[in-house]
Amino acid sequence: MVTADEFDRAMMQRCLELARRAIGRTAPNPMVGCVIVAEGEIVGEGFHPKAGEPHAEVFALRQAKARSRNATLYVNLEPCNHYGRTPPCAEAVVKAGLKRVVVGMVDPNPKVAGGGIATIRKAGIEVEIGVEEAACQTLNEAFVHRILNRRPFGILKYAMTLDGKIAATSGHSSWVTGEMSRRRVHQLRTQCDAIVIGGNTVRKDNPELTTHGLSEHQPLRVVMSRTLEFPTIANLWQMDIAPTVVFTGENANSDVQKKLMQQGVEVVNLETITPAAVMVNLYDRGLNTILWECGGNLAAQAIRQGCVQKVWAFVAPKIIGGENAPTPIAELGLEKMTDAIRLTRVTWSAIESDLLIEGYLG
C-alpha cells in the first residue's frame, strides 16, 4: 500500500518530469511543473514553457477547472507572489479553493522568498514545504545560482585521453571520445542557454555547436577573440542554424567585423575581453546556464574568474603522449598539490568505454 508520504513524493517527481519538458527554454525563469490531485486522481497538470508564458500552476488550474476545489496542488517551486510578465500564481492558487499545497522548494528570488507561501497560508490553505527538495534544487541549480550571485551558472565540459590530453601535439583532436559520449554532450547542450569557445577552437575545429537534432532549442553560440584572427566562412557564421555572438576588443580587425555582421553575426566590442565580462553580458541577456567548451587557456581564465561552477570531464581509454600536447586546463597558478581545486558531489558514469566525471567546484 502506498503511504501518504510516498504519494506526495511520486507527485513531486511528476512535477519535475513535467518541468523538464521545457529544459533549455525558460531562462531567465526556472523550470516548473505542477500537478493537481482530487480524491487520489490527477485532475490537472502543467509546466512553464518559456519566459512570458503562463506559469505551471495556471495551466494545471485551467485543466482541473472546478475539480481544483478542496484538491491538493503539487509544485516543485514556490508559487510567485509578484507581478512580472504574468500575474501572481499565489493569488490564483487561493482563488481556486484548494485545500492543500505541497511545495518542493522555497523560491530564492527576493521578490518571492516565502511570500507566495505566506499568501497561501493566510488564506487558510495547508502548505507543506520540502518534498523531494534535493531533486528540486538540482533541477533549478542554474536559476538559483543566477538569483543569488547575479551571474549565470557555468559548466566546463572537456574530453581528454587517459594521459590528460585534449589533442595530439599537432592539434588534431577528432575524436577523443566515442560516439555515445559525443551524444551526451549534445544532450547537455539542450539544457544550456549559450556555449562559449575561443577563437582557436574556431580556427582548428570549425564547430557547429548545436544540439545535432536532439532539440529544436539551439543555444546561443559565443566566441571570444581579441584579434578576430579566424576565417570569415565557418559553420558558426551560418545564422539559419543558430545565433552567434562574437566578443572582441574595441580595436579588433574592422574588415573581419564587417564581414561577420554582413552574415548576421552579432559583434560586441568590449574594453576587456575576459570570461567575467562576457558572463556579465550573458546575465544581462537573461541567460541561466553557460557551457564552456573552450581550450585550456580560456578554461583556466574562466575558473580563476569564478565563471565555472560545475565540470563535465570525459576520459577516454587512450594514450596520445606529447610533452606539448594541449591539456584541458592551462595555468591556474597553483604550485602545490594541496592547493588543488577539489570537486564536490562527484558522480561517475561509464559511457561505452569512456568515463564521465561530474562534480562541482567548491
Protein backbone atom coordinates (compact mmCIF):
# COMPACT_ATOMS: atom_id res chain seq x y z
CA MET A 1 0.00 0.00 0.00
CA VAL A 2 1.32 3.45 -0.94
CA THR A 3 1.73 5.76 2.05
CA ALA A 4 0.79 9.44 2.01
CA ASP A 5 4.48 10.44 2.04
CA GLU A 6 5.26 8.11 -0.89
CA PHE A 7 2.31 9.51 -2.85
CA ASP A 8 3.50 13.08 -2.21
CA ARG A 9 6.99 12.19 -3.43
CA ALA A 10 5.60 10.50 -6.52
CA MET A 11 3.52 13.55 -7.37
CA MET A 12 6.52 15.85 -6.87
CA GLN A 13 8.56 13.64 -9.17
CA ARG A 14 5.78 14.05 -11.72
CA CYS A 15 6.13 17.83 -11.31
CA LEU A 16 9.85 17.55 -12.06
CA GLU A 17 9.13 15.37 -15.07
CA LEU A 18 6.73 17.97 -16.42
CA ALA A 19 9.16 20.81 -15.69
CA ARG A 20 11.91 19.10 -17.72
CA ARG A 21 9.76 19.31 -20.85
CA ALA A 22 10.85 22.95 -21.14
CA ILE A 23 14.53 22.29 -20.46
CA GLY A 24 16.76 24.94 -22.01
CA ARG A 25 13.88 27.25 -22.88
CA THR A 26 12.76 29.03 -19.68
CA ALA A 27 15.64 31.45 -18.97
CA PRO A 28 15.74 33.68 -17.06
CA ASN A 29 12.88 31.83 -15.35
CA PRO A 30 13.12 28.46 -13.58
CA MET A 31 11.72 25.15 -14.79
CA VAL A 32 8.45 24.47 -13.01
CA GLY A 33 5.86 21.68 -13.19
CA CYS A 34 2.54 21.44 -11.38
CA VAL A 35 0.08 18.63 -10.60
CA ILE A 36 -3.40 18.89 -9.03
CA VAL A 37 -4.86 15.83 -7.33
CA ALA A 38 -8.50 15.34 -6.24
CA GLU A 39 -9.58 12.18 -4.41
CA GLY A 40 -6.39 10.38 -5.42
CA GLU A 41 -6.76 11.25 -9.11
CA ILE A 42 -4.67 13.68 -11.16
CA VAL A 43 -7.15 16.25 -12.49
CA GLY A 44 -4.75 18.91 -13.74
CA GLU A 45 -1.15 19.18 -14.95
CA GLY A 46 1.02 21.89 -16.45
CA PHE A 47 4.53 23.26 -16.87
CA HIS A 48 6.07 26.65 -17.60
CA PRO A 49 7.07 26.58 -21.31
CA LYS A 50 9.14 29.77 -21.52
CA ALA A 51 9.51 33.30 -20.14
CA GLY A 52 6.45 35.43 -20.83
CA GLU A 53 4.13 32.42 -20.99
CA PRO A 54 1.79 31.45 -18.09
CA HIS A 55 3.32 29.62 -15.16
CA ALA A 56 2.83 25.92 -14.45
CA GLU A 57 0.12 26.48 -11.84
CA VAL A 58 -2.04 28.40 -14.32
CA PHE A 59 -2.01 25.56 -16.86
CA ALA A 60 -2.79 22.96 -14.18
CA LEU A 61 -5.65 25.02 -12.72
CA ARG A 62 -7.12 25.58 -16.19
CA GLN A 63 -7.14 21.85 -16.79
CA ALA A 64 -8.57 20.98 -13.37
CA LYS A 65 -11.29 23.66 -13.50
CA ALA A 66 -13.87 23.18 -10.71
CA ARG A 67 -12.20 19.98 -9.53
CA SER A 68 -9.40 22.04 -8.01
CA ARG A 69 -11.70 22.98 -5.12
CA ASN A 70 -10.59 21.12 -1.96
CA ALA A 71 -7.85 19.40 -4.01
CA THR A 72 -4.08 19.22 -3.43
CA LEU A 73 -1.70 21.15 -5.65
CA TYR A 74 1.91 20.00 -6.07
CA VAL A 75 4.58 22.30 -7.47
CA ASN A 76 8.36 21.98 -7.42
CA LEU A 77 8.95 25.71 -6.76
CA GLU A 78 7.08 28.12 -4.51
CA PRO A 79 4.25 29.93 -6.37
CA CYS A 80 5.21 33.51 -7.20
CA ASN A 81 3.70 36.40 -5.27
CA HIS A 82 4.57 39.35 -7.51
CA TYR A 83 3.58 40.85 -10.82
CA GLY A 84 6.13 40.24 -13.58
CA ARG A 85 5.21 39.39 -17.14
CA THR A 86 2.36 37.35 -15.66
CA PRO A 87 0.08 37.79 -12.59
CA PRO A 88 0.99 36.20 -9.21
CA CYS A 89 0.36 32.44 -9.08
CA ALA A 90 -0.20 32.53 -5.30
CA GLU A 91 -3.38 34.57 -5.85
CA ALA A 92 -4.61 32.10 -8.50
CA VAL A 93 -3.98 29.22 -6.08
CA VAL A 94 -6.01 30.96 -3.36
CA LYS A 95 -8.90 31.73 -5.70
CA ALA A 96 -9.08 28.11 -6.82
CA GLY A 97 -10.21 26.97 -3.36
CA LEU A 98 -7.52 24.34 -2.86
CA LYS A 99 -7.28 22.52 0.45
CA ARG A 100 -3.56 21.74 0.44
CA VAL A 101 -0.41 22.86 -1.40
CA VAL A 102 2.83 20.86 -1.47
CA VAL A 103 5.94 22.83 -2.45
CA GLY A 104 9.28 21.27 -3.38
CA MET A 105 11.45 24.26 -2.50
CA VAL A 106 11.19 27.92 -1.50
CA ASP A 107 11.92 30.39 -4.30
CA PRO A 108 15.33 32.07 -3.68
CA ASN A 109 14.16 35.17 -5.57
CA PRO A 110 13.88 38.01 -3.01
CA LYS A 111 10.65 39.09 -4.75
CA VAL A 112 9.13 35.77 -3.66
CA ALA A 113 11.24 34.11 -0.93
CA GLY A 114 8.40 32.79 1.20
CA GLY A 115 5.89 35.47 0.21
CA GLY A 116 3.92 33.15 -2.00
CA ILE A 117 3.69 30.55 0.75
CA ALA A 118 2.66 33.22 3.26
CA THR A 119 -0.17 34.40 0.98
CA ILE A 120 -1.47 30.85 0.57
CA ARG A 121 -1.29 30.07 4.30
CA LYS A 122 -3.00 33.34 5.16
CA ALA A 123 -5.96 32.14 3.10
CA GLY A 124 -6.26 29.08 5.38
CA ILE A 125 -4.72 26.60 2.94
CA GLU A 126 -2.40 23.94 4.36
CA VAL A 127 1.14 24.21 2.93
CA GLU A 128 3.88 21.60 3.13
CA ILE A 129 7.42 22.50 2.06
CA GLY A 130 10.47 20.39 1.17
CA VAL A 131 9.11 17.28 -0.54
CA GLU A 132 11.88 15.97 -2.85
CA GLU A 133 13.73 19.21 -2.10
CA ALA A 134 17.18 17.96 -3.19
CA ALA A 135 15.88 16.95 -6.62
CA CYS A 136 14.05 20.28 -6.94
CA GLN A 137 17.23 22.20 -6.07
CA THR A 138 19.27 20.22 -8.60
CA LEU A 139 16.77 20.79 -11.41
CA ASN A 140 16.96 24.57 -10.98
CA GLU A 141 20.53 24.91 -9.74
CA ALA A 142 21.34 27.36 -12.56
CA PHE A 143 18.33 29.55 -11.74
CA VAL A 144 19.24 29.53 -8.03
CA HIS A 145 22.86 30.47 -8.80
CA ARG A 146 21.74 33.27 -11.11
CA ILE A 147 19.41 34.74 -8.48
CA LEU A 148 21.88 34.52 -5.60
CA ASN A 149 25.05 35.57 -7.48
CA ARG A 150 23.68 37.71 -10.32
CA ARG A 151 25.70 35.63 -12.78
CA PRO A 152 24.80 32.67 -14.98
CA PHE A 153 25.74 29.14 -13.91
CA GLY A 154 28.87 27.91 -15.72
CA ILE A 155 29.61 24.33 -16.77
CA LEU A 156 33.06 23.42 -18.12
CA LYS A 157 32.99 20.41 -20.43
CA TYR A 158 36.04 18.74 -21.90
CA ALA A 159 37.17 15.37 -23.26
CA MET A 160 40.67 14.07 -22.61
CA THR A 161 42.77 10.97 -23.04
CA LEU A 162 43.89 8.82 -20.14
CA ASP A 163 47.12 10.83 -20.01
CA GLY A 164 45.26 14.13 -19.82
CA LYS A 165 45.46 15.44 -23.38
CA ILE A 166 42.64 17.05 -25.37
CA ALA A 167 44.51 16.79 -28.68
CA ALA A 168 47.70 15.46 -30.23
CA THR A 169 50.83 17.62 -30.43
CA SER A 170 49.75 18.58 -33.97
CA GLY A 171 46.46 19.92 -32.60
CA HIS A 172 44.38 17.11 -34.14
CA SER A 173 41.50 16.22 -31.78
CA SER A 174 38.84 14.28 -33.74
CA TRP A 175 37.76 12.34 -31.85
CA VAL A 176 38.96 11.91 -28.26
CA THR A 177 35.84 10.08 -27.07
CA GLY A 178 33.33 7.72 -28.66
CA GLU A 179 30.08 8.49 -30.43
CA MET A 180 27.87 7.91 -27.37
CA SER A 181 29.91 10.37 -25.29
CA ARG A 182 29.55 12.97 -28.01
CA ARG A 183 25.82 12.36 -27.99
CA ARG A 184 25.78 13.04 -24.24
CA VAL A 185 27.42 16.39 -24.97
CA HIS A 186 24.68 17.18 -27.49
CA GLN A 187 22.12 16.30 -24.81
CA LEU A 188 23.92 18.61 -22.36
CA ARG A 189 23.70 21.42 -24.90
CA THR A 190 19.91 21.10 -24.95
CA GLN A 191 19.95 22.20 -21.29
CA CYS A 192 22.14 25.25 -21.87
CA ASP A 193 21.41 28.81 -22.98
CA ALA A 194 24.83 29.51 -24.51
CA ILE A 195 28.07 27.75 -25.46
CA VAL A 196 31.39 29.62 -25.17
CA ILE A 197 34.56 28.92 -27.15
CA GLY A 198 37.70 30.84 -28.07
CA GLY A 199 38.98 31.86 -31.48
CA ASN A 200 41.45 28.98 -31.55
CA THR A 201 38.60 26.47 -31.50
CA VAL A 202 37.01 28.22 -34.50
CA ARG A 203 40.28 28.03 -36.43
CA LYS A 204 41.12 24.42 -35.65
CA ASP A 205 37.75 22.66 -35.36
CA ASN A 206 35.20 24.74 -37.32
CA PRO A 207 32.48 23.52 -34.89
CA GLU A 208 28.71 23.86 -35.28
CA LEU A 209 27.96 23.93 -31.52
CA THR A 210 24.38 22.73 -31.98
CA THR A 211 22.20 20.08 -30.36
CA HIS A 212 22.51 17.98 -33.53
CA GLY A 213 18.79 17.37 -33.90
CA LEU A 214 18.13 16.37 -30.28
CA SER A 215 16.10 19.53 -29.65
CA GLU A 216 14.56 22.42 -31.54
CA HIS A 217 16.29 24.63 -28.97
CA GLN A 218 19.73 25.79 -30.09
CA PRO A 219 21.88 27.62 -27.53
CA LEU A 220 23.47 30.94 -28.33
CA ARG A 221 26.94 30.33 -29.79
CA VAL A 222 29.53 32.62 -28.20
CA VAL A 223 33.05 33.24 -29.48
CA MET A 224 35.69 35.17 -27.53
CA SER A 225 38.53 36.60 -29.64
CA ARG A 226 40.70 39.64 -29.04
CA THR A 227 42.08 39.71 -32.59
CA LEU A 228 39.36 38.12 -34.77
CA GLU A 229 42.04 36.04 -36.48
CA PHE A 230 39.76 33.39 -37.91
CA PRO A 231 38.07 32.62 -41.24
CA THR A 232 35.08 34.66 -42.35
CA ILE A 233 33.48 31.50 -43.71
CA ALA A 234 32.68 29.00 -40.95
CA ASN A 235 29.84 26.89 -39.56
CA LEU A 236 29.35 29.34 -36.70
CA TRP A 237 28.53 32.17 -39.08
CA GLN A 238 25.52 30.30 -40.52
CA MET A 239 22.74 32.13 -38.76
CA ASP A 240 20.00 29.90 -40.16
CA ILE A 241 21.32 27.12 -37.91
CA ALA A 242 21.67 29.03 -34.62
CA PRO A 243 22.50 32.56 -33.44
CA THR A 244 26.13 33.57 -32.84
CA VAL A 245 27.69 36.47 -30.96
CA VAL A 246 31.39 37.35 -31.09
CA PHE A 247 33.01 39.24 -28.23
CA THR A 248 36.13 41.12 -29.26
CA GLY A 249 38.22 44.16 -28.42
CA GLU A 250 37.44 47.75 -29.25
CA ASN A 251 40.15 47.93 -31.93
CA ALA A 252 39.79 44.46 -33.44
CA ASN A 253 40.05 43.79 -37.18
CA SER A 254 37.36 46.02 -38.72
CA ASP A 255 37.28 44.11 -42.03
CA VAL A 256 36.51 40.82 -40.29
CA GLN A 257 33.91 42.52 -38.09
CA LYS A 258 32.18 43.91 -41.17
CA LYS A 259 32.13 40.54 -42.94
CA LEU A 260 30.75 38.80 -39.85
CA MET A 261 28.00 41.37 -39.38
CA GLN A 262 27.07 41.13 -43.06
CA GLN A 263 26.32 37.44 -42.37
CA GLY A 264 24.12 38.33 -39.40
CA VAL A 265 26.66 37.64 -36.67
CA GLU A 266 26.39 39.96 -33.66
CA VAL A 267 29.73 41.54 -32.77
CA VAL A 268 30.18 43.04 -29.30
CA ASN A 269 33.23 45.22 -28.62
CA LEU A 270 34.38 45.15 -25.01
CA GLU A 271 37.15 47.13 -23.36
CA THR A 272 38.35 43.95 -21.66
CA ILE A 273 37.76 40.50 -23.16
CA THR A 274 37.53 38.28 -20.09
CA PRO A 275 35.24 35.43 -19.06
CA ALA A 276 33.88 37.60 -16.24
CA ALA A 277 32.99 40.44 -18.61
CA VAL A 278 31.29 38.05 -21.02
CA MET A 279 29.30 36.46 -18.19
CA VAL A 280 28.03 39.89 -17.16
CA ASN A 281 26.78 40.43 -20.72
CA LEU A 282 25.16 36.99 -20.84
CA TYR A 283 23.48 37.65 -17.48
CA ASP A 284 22.05 40.89 -18.87
CA ARG A 285 20.65 38.85 -21.77
CA GLY A 286 18.68 36.80 -19.26
CA LEU A 287 20.62 33.54 -19.61
CA ASN A 288 20.81 30.90 -16.87
CA THR A 289 23.25 28.19 -17.96
CA ILE A 290 26.50 28.69 -19.87
CA LEU A 291 28.51 25.78 -21.27
CA TRP A 292 32.25 26.35 -21.66
CA GLU A 293 33.59 24.11 -24.47
CA CYS A 294 36.82 26.02 -24.85
CA GLY A 295 40.53 25.26 -24.84
CA GLY A 296 42.78 25.09 -21.83
CA ASN A 297 43.82 28.76 -21.63
CA LEU A 298 40.28 30.12 -21.70
CA ALA A 299 39.10 27.35 -19.35
CA ALA A 300 41.76 28.35 -16.81
CA GLN A 301 40.71 32.01 -17.04
CA ALA A 302 37.05 31.07 -16.57
CA ILE A 303 37.88 29.04 -13.46
CA ARG A 304 40.10 31.76 -11.98
CA GLN A 305 37.37 34.36 -12.50
CA GLY A 306 34.62 32.27 -10.88
CA CYS A 307 32.75 31.61 -14.12
CA VAL A 308 32.69 27.81 -13.72
CA GLN A 309 30.58 26.09 -11.08
CA LYS A 310 30.44 22.55 -12.46
CA VAL A 311 32.69 20.26 -14.51
CA TRP A 312 31.83 17.54 -17.01
CA ALA A 313 35.06 15.65 -17.75
CA PHE A 314 35.03 12.81 -20.28
CA VAL A 315 38.01 10.46 -20.06
CA ALA A 316 38.78 8.14 -22.98
CA PRO A 317 40.90 4.97 -22.56
CA LYS A 318 43.56 6.27 -24.96
CA ILE A 319 47.15 7.44 -24.58
CA ILE A 320 48.48 10.05 -27.03
CA GLY A 321 51.54 11.43 -25.22
CA GLY A 322 53.39 14.56 -26.21
CA GLU A 323 55.04 16.97 -23.81
CA ASN A 324 53.48 19.93 -25.63
CA ALA A 325 50.13 18.32 -26.41
CA PRO A 326 47.31 20.56 -25.12
CA THR A 327 45.62 19.80 -21.80
CA PRO A 328 42.05 20.72 -20.77
CA ILE A 329 43.04 23.41 -18.25
CA ALA A 330 46.13 25.61 -18.52
CA GLU A 331 47.95 27.54 -15.80
CA LEU A 332 45.98 28.24 -12.62
CA GLY A 333 48.92 29.48 -10.54
CA LEU A 334 48.71 26.55 -8.11
CA GLU A 335 52.15 25.29 -7.04
CA LYS A 336 51.30 22.55 -4.54
CA MET A 337 49.05 19.52 -4.86
CA THR A 338 47.49 20.62 -1.57
CA ASP A 339 46.33 23.76 -3.40
CA ALA A 340 44.43 21.74 -5.99
CA ILE A 341 40.78 22.62 -6.51
CA ARG A 342 38.70 19.74 -5.19
CA LEU A 343 35.42 18.80 -6.82
CA THR A 344 32.48 18.06 -4.54
CA ARG A 345 29.33 15.98 -5.07
CA VAL A 346 31.22 13.89 -7.61
CA THR A 347 29.45 11.27 -9.72
CA TRP A 348 30.92 8.75 -12.17
CA SER A 349 29.27 7.02 -15.11
CA ALA A 350 30.51 4.74 -17.87
CA ILE A 351 29.55 5.56 -21.46
CA GLU A 352 30.68 2.57 -23.51
CA SER A 353 34.45 2.54 -22.86
CA ASP A 354 34.62 6.21 -21.81
CA LEU A 355 34.20 7.60 -18.31
CA LEU A 356 32.20 10.73 -17.43
CA ILE A 357 33.09 12.50 -14.19
CA GLU A 358 30.75 15.24 -12.96
CA GLY A 359 31.42 17.46 -9.98
CA TYR A 360 31.09 20.95 -8.53
CA LEU A 361 33.81 23.48 -7.81
CA GLY A 362 33.72 24.49 -4.18
